[in-house]
Protein backbone atom coordinates (compact mmCIF):
# COMPACT_ATOMS: atom_id res chain seq x y z
CA UNK A 1 15.15 8.67 -7.71
CA UNK A 2 13.28 5.55 -5.16
CA UNK A 3 10.92 6.21 -1.20
CA UNK A 4 12.09 4.13 1.58
CA UNK A 5 8.95 3.53 3.62
CA UNK A 6 10.31 1.90 7.25
CA UNK A 7 8.14 -0.33 9.48
CA UNK A 8 9.11 -2.04 12.95
CA UNK A 9 11.28 -0.47 15.43
CA UNK A 10 9.99 -0.08 19.22
CA UNK A 11 11.03 -1.59 22.36
CA UNK A 12 12.10 -4.69 23.40
CA UNK A 13 14.47 -5.89 26.26
CA UNK A 14 17.71 -7.09 26.02
CA UNK A 15 17.75 -10.90 24.38
CA UNK A 16 15.03 -9.72 22.33
CA UNK A 17 13.74 -9.11 18.48
CA UNK A 18 13.26 -7.68 16.42
CA UNK A 19 12.18 -7.74 12.82
CA UNK A 20 12.13 -4.23 10.94
CA UNK A 21 11.13 -3.64 7.35
CA UNK A 22 11.83 -1.03 4.51
CA UNK A 23 9.30 -1.16 1.57
CA UNK A 24 10.52 0.89 -1.22
CA UNK A 25 8.65 2.45 -4.62
CA UNK A 26 10.00 0.99 -6.97
CA UNK A 27 10.97 -2.82 -7.39
CA UNK A 28 13.18 -3.84 -4.94
CA UNK A 29 14.78 -6.50 -7.45
CA UNK A 30 15.53 -3.11 -9.87
CA UNK A 31 17.31 -1.75 -7.07
CA UNK A 32 21.64 -2.81 -6.76
CA UNK A 33 22.15 -2.36 -3.49
CA UNK A 34 19.92 -2.27 -0.60
CA UNK A 35 20.72 -2.13 3.47
CA UNK A 36 20.46 -0.41 6.96
CA UNK A 37 22.46 1.79 9.12
CA UNK A 38 21.06 3.23 12.41
CA UNK A 39 22.24 6.12 14.36
CA UNK A 40 22.57 6.53 18.04
CA UNK A 41 22.48 9.18 20.39
CA UNK A 42 25.68 11.70 20.19
CA UNK A 43 26.63 8.94 17.79
CA UNK A 44 26.90 8.95 13.72
CA UNK A 45 26.05 6.54 11.45
CA UNK A 46 27.42 3.25 11.45
CA UNK A 47 26.23 0.57 8.87
CA UNK A 48 25.02 -2.33 10.16
CA UNK A 49 24.16 -5.04 7.04
CA UNK A 50 23.66 -5.06 3.11
CA UNK A 51 22.53 -7.69 0.62
CA UNK A 52 23.40 -6.62 -3.45
CA UNK A 53 20.81 -7.24 -6.43
CA UNK A 54 22.38 -10.76 -7.22
CA UNK A 55 22.28 -11.46 -3.34
CA UNK A 56 26.29 -10.59 -2.37
CA UNK A 57 25.00 -10.02 2.21
CA UNK A 58 28.23 -8.00 4.32
CA UNK A 59 27.23 -7.43 8.38
CA UNK A 60 28.84 -5.37 10.05
CA UNK A 61 30.83 -7.56 13.58
CA UNK A 62 28.58 -5.54 15.89
CA UNK A 63 26.07 -7.21 14.35
CA UNK A 64 27.13 -10.76 12.58
CA UNK A 65 25.98 -14.02 13.79
CA UNK A 66 22.71 -11.65 15.10
CA UNK A 67 20.70 -9.93 12.73
CA UNK A 68 20.33 -10.68 9.54
CA UNK A 69 19.09 -9.18 5.66
CA UNK A 70 16.56 -10.30 3.81
CA UNK A 71 15.31 -9.16 0.28
CA UNK A 72 12.38 -10.38 -0.16
CA UNK A 73 11.09 -9.66 -4.33
CA UNK A 74 7.77 -11.32 -3.74
CA UNK A 75 6.64 -8.60 -0.79
CA UNK A 76 8.32 -5.90 -2.64
CA UNK A 77 10.57 -5.87 1.51
CA UNK A 78 13.71 -5.54 3.31
CA UNK A 79 13.89 -6.52 6.50
CA UNK A 80 16.05 -7.23 9.10
CA UNK A 81 15.70 -9.96 11.65
CA UNK A 82 17.07 -8.78 14.94
CA UNK A 83 17.49 -11.64 17.01
CA UNK A 84 19.28 -11.01 21.03
CA UNK A 85 19.32 -7.66 21.41
CA UNK A 86 21.80 -5.73 23.14
CA UNK A 87 20.95 -2.12 24.64
CA UNK A 88 24.11 -1.32 22.40
CA UNK A 89 21.95 -2.01 19.32
CA UNK A 90 19.46 0.54 20.79
CA UNK A 91 19.77 4.16 17.56
CA UNK A 92 16.90 5.03 15.17
CA UNK A 93 17.36 2.41 12.50
CA UNK A 94 17.33 3.91 8.05
CA UNK A 95 17.31 1.45 5.04
CA UNK A 96 19.07 2.64 2.23
CA UNK A 97 19.11 2.00 -1.41
CA UNK A 98 21.65 2.56 -4.38
CA UNK A 99 19.76 1.80 -6.73
CA UNK A 100 23.05 1.04 -9.76
CA UNK A 101 26.91 1.19 -9.01
CA UNK A 102 28.76 4.46 -7.67
CA UNK A 103 24.86 5.50 -7.74
CA UNK A 104 23.88 8.32 -4.89
CA UNK A 105 22.12 6.69 -1.67
CA UNK A 106 18.38 6.99 -0.34
CA UNK A 107 17.04 6.92 3.15
CA UNK A 108 14.14 6.77 4.71
CA UNK A 109 13.33 8.48 7.49
CA UNK A 110 14.32 6.04 9.78
CA UNK A 111 12.48 3.65 12.95
CA UNK A 112 13.14 3.87 16.66
CA UNK A 113 14.69 0.76 18.00
CA UNK A 114 15.61 0.51 21.90
CA UNK A 115 16.57 -2.18 23.56
CA UNK A 116 16.27 -1.37 28.01
CA UNK A 117 15.49 -3.68 30.47
């Protein structure tokens, strides 16, 4: 079991940047897979990015080139750097963790990101 605490959401104008943080209740280096998902009003939760403990990273096509996911073992924190934000990025962003291969996913409480002028 792991608890996840997110922070860093807020309001930003189009073209701006935000950095989200997620701190797990256990050592991040022990977690097999960590990632970010988002859910916009009236839509299903969708994949944003994830990173394995062995550093392999993947991104959704809509975020590739604009977002960067990073696991910082020294800070025990997962980050999502979001640049060149668009109104379509507006959503609640959730941190996720899978402790082992085929294991259950754990979720944070979510943090709101709003992109508007």
